[in-house]
């Protein structure tokens, strides 16, 4: 298995992500070459929870401009990871 932090780059903390956390879905930025199976293994090791499903979204690069200089942002990939419900100890 590849290293966890090569597959999962960072958690994405956005308004949509906070709403999804209430329904037990975590959002991560992942490597563009990572497969769903690699993402699932990395999340299980990182969070110590079982994964129910993984959905991925590829975001293409965009043209950026600063004055007369033109460049591009790199392509990205997001993963929506749904975790299994953990029994609450009440």
N, C-alpha and C. Protein backbone atom coordinates (compact mmCIF):
# COMPACT_ATOMS: atom_id res chain seq x y z
N UNK A 1 0.84 -1.19 0.00
CA UNK A 1 0.00 0.00 0.00
C UNK A 1 0.88 1.24 0.00
N UNK A 2 0.45 2.26 -0.70
CA UNK A 2 1.18 3.51 -0.70
C UNK A 2 0.96 4.23 0.63
N UNK A 3 1.74 5.27 0.87
CA UNK A 3 1.61 6.01 2.11
C UNK A 3 0.29 6.77 2.16
N UNK A 4 -0.25 6.90 3.36
CA UNK A 4 -1.57 7.51 3.54
C UNK A 4 -1.58 8.95 3.03
N UNK A 5 -0.56 9.72 3.38
CA UNK A 5 -0.58 11.14 3.04
C UNK A 5 -0.13 11.41 1.61
N UNK A 6 0.23 10.37 0.85
CA UNK A 6 0.41 10.52 -0.58
C UNK A 6 -0.96 10.43 -1.27
N UNK A 7 -1.83 9.61 -0.71
CA UNK A 7 -3.17 9.42 -1.28
C UNK A 7 -4.09 10.56 -0.84
N UNK A 8 -4.19 10.79 0.48
CA UNK A 8 -5.05 11.84 1.01
C UNK A 8 -4.19 13.07 1.27
N UNK A 9 -4.48 14.15 0.58
CA UNK A 9 -3.68 15.36 0.74
C UNK A 9 -4.14 16.20 1.92
N UNK A 10 -5.46 16.49 1.98
CA UNK A 10 -5.97 17.30 3.09
C UNK A 10 -7.49 17.19 3.13
N UNK A 11 -8.08 17.43 4.30
CA UNK A 11 -9.54 17.49 4.36
C UNK A 11 -10.01 18.83 3.81
N UNK A 12 -11.15 18.83 3.16
CA UNK A 12 -11.71 20.07 2.63
C UNK A 12 -12.76 20.59 3.60
N UNK A 13 -12.52 21.76 4.16
CA UNK A 13 -13.41 22.34 5.14
C UNK A 13 -14.20 23.47 4.48
N UNK A 14 -15.37 23.12 3.97
CA UNK A 14 -16.24 24.08 3.30
C UNK A 14 -17.64 23.97 3.93
N UNK A 15 -18.52 24.89 3.54
CA UNK A 15 -19.88 24.85 4.05
C UNK A 15 -20.58 23.56 3.63
N UNK A 16 -20.41 23.19 2.38
CA UNK A 16 -21.04 21.96 1.90
C UNK A 16 -20.48 20.76 2.65
N UNK A 17 -19.18 20.76 2.91
CA UNK A 17 -18.57 19.67 3.66
C UNK A 17 -19.09 19.57 5.08
N UNK A 18 -19.34 20.70 5.71
CA UNK A 18 -19.87 20.69 7.08
C UNK A 18 -21.29 20.13 7.10
N UNK A 19 -22.08 20.45 6.09
CA UNK A 19 -23.43 19.90 6.00
C UNK A 19 -23.38 18.39 5.79
N UNK A 20 -22.44 17.93 4.95
CA UNK A 20 -22.32 16.50 4.69
C UNK A 20 -21.81 15.73 5.90
N UNK A 21 -21.02 16.38 6.76
CA UNK A 21 -20.51 15.70 7.95
C UNK A 21 -21.64 15.26 8.88
N UNK A 22 -22.75 16.00 8.86
CA UNK A 22 -23.90 15.62 9.69
C UNK A 22 -24.49 14.29 9.23
N UNK A 23 -24.36 13.96 7.94
CA UNK A 23 -24.85 12.68 7.43
C UNK A 23 -23.71 11.67 7.28
N UNK A 24 -22.64 11.87 8.04
CA UNK A 24 -21.52 10.92 8.14
C UNK A 24 -20.72 10.79 6.84
N UNK A 25 -20.54 11.90 6.10
CA UNK A 25 -19.74 11.92 4.87
C UNK A 25 -18.57 12.89 5.09
N UNK A 26 -17.36 12.42 4.83
CA UNK A 26 -16.16 13.24 4.95
C UNK A 26 -15.68 13.61 3.54
N UNK A 27 -15.11 14.81 3.38
CA UNK A 27 -14.64 15.27 2.08
C UNK A 27 -13.13 15.51 2.16
N UNK A 28 -12.37 14.94 1.22
CA UNK A 28 -10.92 15.06 1.19
C UNK A 28 -10.45 15.46 -0.20
N UNK A 29 -9.33 16.18 -0.24
CA UNK A 29 -8.63 16.35 -1.51
C UNK A 29 -7.64 15.20 -1.59
N UNK A 30 -7.64 14.49 -2.71
CA UNK A 30 -6.80 13.31 -2.86
C UNK A 30 -5.91 13.47 -4.09
N UNK A 31 -4.94 12.60 -4.22
CA UNK A 31 -4.06 12.61 -5.38
C UNK A 31 -4.85 12.26 -6.63
N UNK A 32 -4.49 12.85 -7.75
CA UNK A 32 -5.24 12.63 -8.99
C UNK A 32 -5.10 11.20 -9.49
N UNK A 33 -4.05 10.49 -9.09
CA UNK A 33 -3.85 9.12 -9.55
C UNK A 33 -4.47 8.09 -8.61
N UNK A 34 -5.02 8.52 -7.48
CA UNK A 34 -5.55 7.60 -6.47
C UNK A 34 -6.85 6.95 -6.94
N UNK A 35 -6.97 5.64 -6.68
CA UNK A 35 -8.19 4.92 -7.01
C UNK A 35 -9.11 4.90 -5.79
N UNK A 36 -10.36 4.50 -6.01
CA UNK A 36 -11.31 4.44 -4.90
C UNK A 36 -10.86 3.44 -3.84
N UNK A 37 -10.29 2.34 -4.28
CA UNK A 37 -9.82 1.32 -3.33
C UNK A 37 -8.68 1.87 -2.46
N UNK A 38 -7.74 2.58 -3.07
CA UNK A 38 -6.64 3.18 -2.30
C UNK A 38 -7.16 4.23 -1.32
N UNK A 39 -8.13 5.03 -1.75
CA UNK A 39 -8.71 6.05 -0.88
C UNK A 39 -9.41 5.38 0.30
N UNK A 40 -10.14 4.32 0.04
CA UNK A 40 -10.85 3.60 1.10
C UNK A 40 -9.87 3.05 2.13
N UNK A 41 -8.79 2.43 1.68
CA UNK A 41 -7.79 1.88 2.61
C UNK A 41 -7.14 2.98 3.44
N UNK A 42 -6.81 4.10 2.81
CA UNK A 42 -6.14 5.19 3.51
C UNK A 42 -7.05 5.81 4.57
N UNK A 43 -8.34 5.98 4.26
CA UNK A 43 -9.28 6.56 5.22
C UNK A 43 -9.50 5.62 6.39
N UNK A 44 -9.59 4.31 6.13
CA UNK A 44 -9.77 3.36 7.22
C UNK A 44 -8.59 3.37 8.17
N UNK A 45 -7.38 3.50 7.64
CA UNK A 45 -6.20 3.56 8.50
C UNK A 45 -6.14 4.90 9.24
N UNK A 46 -6.45 5.98 8.55
CA UNK A 46 -6.34 7.32 9.13
C UNK A 46 -7.40 7.57 10.21
N UNK A 47 -8.65 7.26 9.92
CA UNK A 47 -9.74 7.55 10.84
C UNK A 47 -10.10 6.39 11.75
N UNK A 48 -9.68 5.19 11.40
CA UNK A 48 -10.02 4.03 12.20
C UNK A 48 -11.49 3.68 12.14
N UNK A 49 -12.15 3.97 11.02
CA UNK A 49 -13.57 3.68 10.85
C UNK A 49 -13.77 2.94 9.54
N UNK A 50 -14.83 2.15 9.48
CA UNK A 50 -15.15 1.42 8.25
C UNK A 50 -15.81 2.36 7.24
N UNK A 51 -15.46 2.16 5.97
CA UNK A 51 -15.98 2.99 4.89
C UNK A 51 -17.14 2.28 4.21
N UNK A 52 -18.24 3.01 4.01
CA UNK A 52 -19.40 2.45 3.33
C UNK A 52 -19.28 2.64 1.82
N UNK A 53 -18.93 3.87 1.37
CA UNK A 53 -18.78 4.12 -0.06
C UNK A 53 -17.83 5.28 -0.29
N UNK A 54 -17.27 5.33 -1.51
CA UNK A 54 -16.37 6.40 -1.92
C UNK A 54 -16.84 6.93 -3.26
N UNK A 55 -17.03 8.25 -3.35
CA UNK A 55 -17.36 8.90 -4.62
C UNK A 55 -16.24 9.89 -4.92
N UNK A 56 -15.83 9.99 -6.17
CA UNK A 56 -14.74 10.89 -6.54
C UNK A 56 -15.21 11.87 -7.61
N UNK A 57 -14.57 13.05 -7.60
CA UNK A 57 -14.86 14.09 -8.58
C UNK A 57 -13.53 14.65 -9.07
N UNK A 58 -13.35 14.69 -10.39
CA UNK A 58 -12.15 15.29 -10.96
C UNK A 58 -12.45 16.74 -11.33
N UNK A 59 -11.55 17.64 -10.93
CA UNK A 59 -11.71 19.06 -11.21
C UNK A 59 -10.59 19.46 -12.16
N UNK A 60 -10.91 19.88 -13.38
CA UNK A 60 -9.85 20.21 -14.34
C UNK A 60 -9.11 21.49 -13.96
N UNK A 61 -7.94 21.69 -14.57
CA UNK A 61 -7.17 22.91 -14.30
C UNK A 61 -7.87 24.10 -14.94
N UNK A 62 -7.65 25.28 -14.34
CA UNK A 62 -8.27 26.50 -14.84
C UNK A 62 -7.19 27.52 -15.15
N UNK A 63 -7.50 28.43 -16.06
CA UNK A 63 -6.57 29.50 -16.39
C UNK A 63 -6.66 30.59 -15.32
N UNK A 64 -5.51 30.98 -14.80
CA UNK A 64 -5.43 32.05 -13.80
C UNK A 64 -4.64 33.19 -14.40
N UNK A 65 -4.90 34.40 -13.95
CA UNK A 65 -4.23 35.56 -14.51
C UNK A 65 -3.88 36.52 -13.39
N UNK A 66 -2.66 37.04 -13.43
CA UNK A 66 -2.21 38.06 -12.48
C UNK A 66 -1.55 39.16 -13.31
N UNK A 67 -2.31 40.21 -13.60
CA UNK A 67 -1.80 41.27 -14.47
C UNK A 67 -1.62 40.75 -15.88
N UNK A 68 -0.41 40.86 -16.40
CA UNK A 68 -0.17 40.38 -17.76
C UNK A 68 0.32 38.94 -17.79
N UNK A 69 0.50 38.34 -16.63
CA UNK A 69 1.00 36.97 -16.55
C UNK A 69 -0.16 35.99 -16.51
N UNK A 70 -0.06 34.97 -17.34
CA UNK A 70 -1.11 33.96 -17.43
C UNK A 70 -0.53 32.62 -17.02
N UNK A 71 -1.27 31.90 -16.21
CA UNK A 71 -0.84 30.58 -15.77
C UNK A 71 -2.05 29.70 -15.58
N UNK A 72 -1.83 28.52 -15.07
CA UNK A 72 -2.93 27.60 -14.82
C UNK A 72 -2.83 27.04 -13.41
N UNK A 73 -3.99 26.76 -12.82
CA UNK A 73 -4.01 26.03 -11.56
C UNK A 73 -3.97 24.55 -11.92
N UNK A 74 -3.45 23.76 -11.04
CA UNK A 74 -3.33 22.33 -11.33
C UNK A 74 -4.66 21.61 -11.22
N UNK A 75 -4.78 20.47 -11.89
CA UNK A 75 -6.01 19.68 -11.75
C UNK A 75 -6.09 19.09 -10.34
N UNK A 76 -7.32 18.88 -9.85
CA UNK A 76 -7.51 18.35 -8.50
C UNK A 76 -8.50 17.21 -8.54
N UNK A 77 -8.58 16.48 -7.44
CA UNK A 77 -9.54 15.40 -7.31
C UNK A 77 -10.06 15.41 -5.88
N UNK A 78 -11.39 15.35 -5.74
CA UNK A 78 -12.02 15.32 -4.42
C UNK A 78 -12.64 13.95 -4.21
N UNK A 79 -12.67 13.53 -2.95
CA UNK A 79 -13.31 12.27 -2.61
C UNK A 79 -14.33 12.51 -1.51
N UNK A 80 -15.55 12.03 -1.75
CA UNK A 80 -16.60 12.05 -0.74
C UNK A 80 -16.67 10.65 -0.16
N UNK A 81 -16.29 10.51 1.11
CA UNK A 81 -16.18 9.21 1.76
C UNK A 81 -17.31 9.09 2.77
N UNK A 82 -18.20 8.12 2.55
CA UNK A 82 -19.30 7.89 3.50
C UNK A 82 -18.87 6.80 4.47
N UNK A 83 -18.92 7.10 5.76
CA UNK A 83 -18.53 6.16 6.80
C UNK A 83 -19.73 5.40 7.30
N UNK A 84 -19.49 4.17 7.79
CA UNK A 84 -20.56 3.41 8.40
C UNK A 84 -20.94 4.03 9.73
N UNK A 85 -22.20 3.93 10.09
CA UNK A 85 -22.66 4.46 11.37
C UNK A 85 -21.99 3.71 12.51
N UNK A 86 -21.45 4.46 13.44
CA UNK A 86 -20.85 3.84 14.62
C UNK A 86 -21.89 3.82 15.73
N UNK A 87 -22.03 2.70 16.44
CA UNK A 87 -23.02 2.66 17.51
C UNK A 87 -22.65 3.61 18.64
N UNK A 88 -23.59 4.43 19.06
CA UNK A 88 -23.33 5.38 20.12
C UNK A 88 -23.45 4.68 21.47
N UNK A 89 -22.52 4.98 22.36
CA UNK A 89 -22.51 4.38 23.70
C UNK A 89 -23.26 5.30 24.66
N UNK A 90 -24.55 5.07 24.80
CA UNK A 90 -25.35 5.92 25.69
C UNK A 90 -25.69 5.19 26.95
